[in-house]
Amino acid sequence: MLERQPLNGLLLLGILLIVLGLILVLIPLLARLGVRLESAHPLLLWGRRFDGIYVGTSPILIIIMLAVYLLLFLLRRG
């Protein structure tokens, strides 16, 4: 029979990246519906508009990715 195995780190990272990819695909659709990116919470999106182009980043995403890289680094060393 099939045994249930816990999710390993690589599978969990893959699922996280798929979810983040879906979010990135949905952002332009939300913009077309009239949701303004400038009204987002500063921890979710921080950015500036330069000559009509909005350049932004997510501080929470940066923190999560740093934690994932640190976790992978520590798992590889041990």
N, C-alpha and C. Protein backbone atom coordinates (compact mmCIF):
# COMPACT_ATOMS: atom_id res chain seq x y z
N MET A 1 0.83 -1.19 0.00
CA MET A 1 0.00 0.00 0.00
C MET A 1 0.88 1.26 0.00
N LEU A 2 0.25 2.37 -0.29
CA LEU A 2 0.97 3.64 -0.30
C LEU A 2 1.12 4.16 1.12
N GLU A 3 2.34 4.49 1.50
CA GLU A 3 2.58 5.05 2.81
C GLU A 3 2.68 6.56 2.70
N ARG A 4 2.20 7.22 3.73
CA ARG A 4 2.28 8.69 3.74
C ARG A 4 3.65 9.09 4.24
N GLN A 5 4.31 9.94 3.47
CA GLN A 5 5.62 10.44 3.85
C GLN A 5 5.52 11.94 4.07
N PRO A 6 6.22 12.45 5.07
CA PRO A 6 6.18 13.90 5.28
C PRO A 6 6.84 14.63 4.11
N LEU A 7 6.41 15.87 3.91
CA LEU A 7 6.99 16.68 2.84
C LEU A 7 8.44 16.99 3.16
N ASN A 8 9.31 16.73 2.22
CA ASN A 8 10.70 17.11 2.45
C ASN A 8 10.88 18.58 2.05
N GLY A 9 12.03 19.13 2.37
CA GLY A 9 12.27 20.56 2.16
C GLY A 9 12.19 21.00 0.71
N LEU A 10 12.69 20.16 -0.18
CA LEU A 10 12.70 20.53 -1.59
C LEU A 10 11.28 20.56 -2.17
N LEU A 11 10.45 19.62 -1.76
CA LEU A 11 9.07 19.60 -2.22
C LEU A 11 8.31 20.80 -1.69
N LEU A 12 8.55 21.14 -0.43
CA LEU A 12 7.91 22.30 0.17
C LEU A 12 8.34 23.59 -0.52
N LEU A 13 9.62 23.68 -0.85
CA LEU A 13 10.11 24.85 -1.58
C LEU A 13 9.47 24.94 -2.97
N GLY A 14 9.31 23.81 -3.64
CA GLY A 14 8.66 23.79 -4.94
C GLY A 14 7.22 24.27 -4.88
N ILE A 15 6.50 23.81 -3.86
CA ILE A 15 5.11 24.26 -3.69
C ILE A 15 5.06 25.75 -3.41
N LEU A 16 5.97 26.24 -2.58
CA LEU A 16 6.03 27.68 -2.29
C LEU A 16 6.31 28.49 -3.54
N LEU A 17 7.22 28.02 -4.38
CA LEU A 17 7.54 28.75 -5.62
C LEU A 17 6.37 28.73 -6.61
N ILE A 18 5.62 27.64 -6.65
CA ILE A 18 4.44 27.59 -7.51
C ILE A 18 3.39 28.59 -7.05
N VAL A 19 3.17 28.66 -5.75
CA VAL A 19 2.20 29.62 -5.21
C VAL A 19 2.65 31.06 -5.49
N LEU A 20 3.93 31.34 -5.31
CA LEU A 20 4.44 32.68 -5.61
C LEU A 20 4.31 33.00 -7.09
N GLY A 21 4.52 32.03 -7.96
CA GLY A 21 4.34 32.23 -9.39
C GLY A 21 2.91 32.56 -9.74
N LEU A 22 1.97 31.86 -9.11
CA LEU A 22 0.55 32.16 -9.34
C LEU A 22 0.19 33.56 -8.88
N ILE A 23 0.75 33.97 -7.77
CA ILE A 23 0.50 35.33 -7.28
C ILE A 23 1.04 36.35 -8.27
N LEU A 24 2.23 36.11 -8.81
CA LEU A 24 2.81 37.04 -9.78
C LEU A 24 2.00 37.10 -11.07
N VAL A 25 1.37 36.00 -11.43
CA VAL A 25 0.51 36.00 -12.61
C VAL A 25 -0.77 36.77 -12.35
N LEU A 26 -1.28 36.71 -11.13
CA LEU A 26 -2.55 37.36 -10.80
C LEU A 26 -2.42 38.87 -10.58
N ILE A 27 -1.25 39.36 -10.28
CA ILE A 27 -1.08 40.80 -10.00
C ILE A 27 -1.50 41.67 -11.18
N PRO A 28 -1.10 41.38 -12.44
CA PRO A 28 -1.58 42.23 -13.54
C PRO A 28 -3.09 42.16 -13.74
N LEU A 29 -3.68 41.02 -13.44
CA LEU A 29 -5.14 40.91 -13.56
C LEU A 29 -5.83 41.79 -12.52
N LEU A 30 -5.28 41.83 -11.33
CA LEU A 30 -5.85 42.70 -10.30
C LEU A 30 -5.68 44.18 -10.67
N ALA A 31 -4.58 44.51 -11.31
CA ALA A 31 -4.36 45.89 -11.74
C ALA A 31 -5.39 46.30 -12.79
N ARG A 32 -5.77 45.38 -13.65
CA ARG A 32 -6.79 45.70 -14.67
C ARG A 32 -8.16 45.89 -14.05
N LEU A 33 -8.39 45.24 -12.90
CA LEU A 33 -9.68 45.39 -12.23
C LEU A 33 -9.78 46.70 -11.46
N GLY A 34 -8.71 47.43 -11.39
CA GLY A 34 -8.75 48.74 -10.75
C GLY A 34 -8.11 48.78 -9.38
N VAL A 35 -7.51 47.70 -8.93
CA VAL A 35 -6.83 47.70 -7.65
C VAL A 35 -5.51 48.45 -7.81
N ARG A 36 -5.32 49.47 -7.01
CA ARG A 36 -4.12 50.30 -7.11
C ARG A 36 -2.99 49.69 -6.29
N LEU A 37 -1.82 49.52 -6.91
CA LEU A 37 -0.68 48.96 -6.19
C LEU A 37 -0.15 49.92 -5.14
N GLU A 38 -0.34 51.19 -5.35
CA GLU A 38 0.16 52.18 -4.39
C GLU A 38 -0.59 52.11 -3.07
N SER A 39 -1.79 51.53 -3.06
CA SER A 39 -2.57 51.46 -1.83
C SER A 39 -2.28 50.19 -1.03
N ALA A 40 -1.37 49.35 -1.49
CA ALA A 40 -1.02 48.11 -0.77
C ALA A 40 -0.21 48.46 0.47
N HIS A 41 -0.26 47.59 1.45
CA HIS A 41 0.49 47.78 2.69
C HIS A 41 1.99 47.79 2.38
N PRO A 42 2.78 48.63 3.06
CA PRO A 42 4.21 48.75 2.75
C PRO A 42 5.01 47.45 2.94
N LEU A 43 4.55 46.53 3.79
CA LEU A 43 5.26 45.27 3.93
C LEU A 43 4.97 44.32 2.78
N LEU A 44 3.85 44.50 2.10
CA LEU A 44 3.51 43.66 0.97
C LEU A 44 4.16 44.15 -0.32
N LEU A 45 4.16 45.45 -0.49
CA LEU A 45 4.73 46.02 -1.72
C LEU A 45 5.30 47.39 -1.43
N TRP A 46 6.54 47.58 -1.79
CA TRP A 46 7.20 48.87 -1.66
C TRP A 46 7.78 49.22 -3.01
N GLY A 47 7.47 50.40 -3.50
CA GLY A 47 8.00 50.75 -4.80
C GLY A 47 7.88 52.22 -5.12
N ARG A 48 8.36 52.56 -6.26
CA ARG A 48 8.35 53.94 -6.75
C ARG A 48 7.97 53.93 -8.22
N ARG A 49 7.45 55.07 -8.67
CA ARG A 49 7.10 55.25 -10.07
C ARG A 49 8.15 56.15 -10.71
N PHE A 50 8.78 55.65 -11.76
CA PHE A 50 9.79 56.40 -12.50
C PHE A 50 9.34 56.53 -13.94
N ASP A 51 9.08 57.72 -14.39
CA ASP A 51 8.70 58.00 -15.77
C ASP A 51 7.57 57.10 -16.27
N GLY A 52 6.57 56.89 -15.42
CA GLY A 52 5.42 56.09 -15.82
C GLY A 52 5.58 54.60 -15.62
N ILE A 53 6.72 54.15 -15.13
CA ILE A 53 6.95 52.72 -14.89
C ILE A 53 7.03 52.51 -13.38
N TYR A 54 6.25 51.56 -12.89
CA TYR A 54 6.26 51.26 -11.46
C TYR A 54 7.28 50.17 -11.18
N VAL A 55 8.27 50.48 -10.33
CA VAL A 55 9.30 49.53 -9.94
C VAL A 55 9.11 49.25 -8.46
N GLY A 56 8.91 47.97 -8.12
CA GLY A 56 8.64 47.66 -6.73
C GLY A 56 9.20 46.33 -6.30
N THR A 57 9.19 46.13 -5.00
CA THR A 57 9.62 44.88 -4.41
C THR A 57 8.78 44.62 -3.17
N SER A 58 8.88 43.43 -2.64
CA SER A 58 8.14 43.05 -1.45
C SER A 58 9.12 42.75 -0.32
N PRO A 59 9.11 43.55 0.72
CA PRO A 59 10.00 43.27 1.85
C PRO A 59 9.72 41.91 2.49
N ILE A 60 8.47 41.51 2.57
CA ILE A 60 8.15 40.21 3.15
C ILE A 60 8.72 39.09 2.29
N LEU A 61 8.62 39.23 0.97
CA LEU A 61 9.17 38.22 0.08
C LEU A 61 10.68 38.12 0.22
N ILE A 62 11.35 39.24 0.37
CA ILE A 62 12.80 39.24 0.56
C ILE A 62 13.16 38.53 1.86
N ILE A 63 12.43 38.79 2.93
CA ILE A 63 12.69 38.15 4.22
C ILE A 63 12.46 36.64 4.12
N ILE A 64 11.38 36.23 3.46
CA ILE A 64 11.09 34.80 3.31
C ILE A 64 12.19 34.11 2.49
N MET A 65 12.60 34.74 1.40
CA MET A 65 13.63 34.12 0.56
C MET A 65 14.97 34.05 1.29
N LEU A 66 15.30 35.05 2.10
CA LEU A 66 16.53 34.99 2.89
C LEU A 66 16.46 33.84 3.90
N ALA A 67 15.30 33.64 4.51
CA ALA A 67 15.13 32.55 5.46
C ALA A 67 15.26 31.20 4.76
N VAL A 68 14.70 31.07 3.55
CA VAL A 68 14.80 29.82 2.80
C VAL A 68 16.25 29.55 2.42
N TYR A 69 16.95 30.55 1.93
CA TYR A 69 18.37 30.37 1.56
C TYR A 69 19.21 30.01 2.78
N LEU A 70 18.94 30.65 3.92
CA LEU A 70 19.67 30.33 5.14
C LEU A 70 19.38 28.90 5.58
N LEU A 71 18.12 28.49 5.51
CA LEU A 71 17.74 27.13 5.86
C LEU A 71 18.43 26.11 4.95
N LEU A 72 18.42 26.36 3.65
CA LEU A 72 19.09 25.46 2.71
C LEU A 72 20.59 25.40 2.95
N PHE A 73 21.18 26.55 3.26
CA PHE A 73 22.61 26.61 3.55
C PHE A 73 22.95 25.79 4.80
N LEU A 74 22.13 25.93 5.83
CA LEU A 74 22.39 25.21 7.08
C LEU A 74 22.15 23.72 6.91
N LEU A 75 21.14 23.34 6.12
CA LEU A 75 20.88 21.92 5.89
C LEU A 75 21.99 21.28 5.06
N ARG A 76 22.58 22.03 4.16
CA ARG A 76 23.65 21.51 3.32
C ARG A 76 24.93 21.31 4.13
N ARG A 77 25.19 22.21 5.09
CA ARG A 77 26.39 22.10 5.91
C ARG A 77 26.31 20.92 6.87
N GLY A 78 25.10 20.64 7.39
CA GLY A 78 24.95 19.61 8.43
C GLY A 78 24.71 18.31 7.84
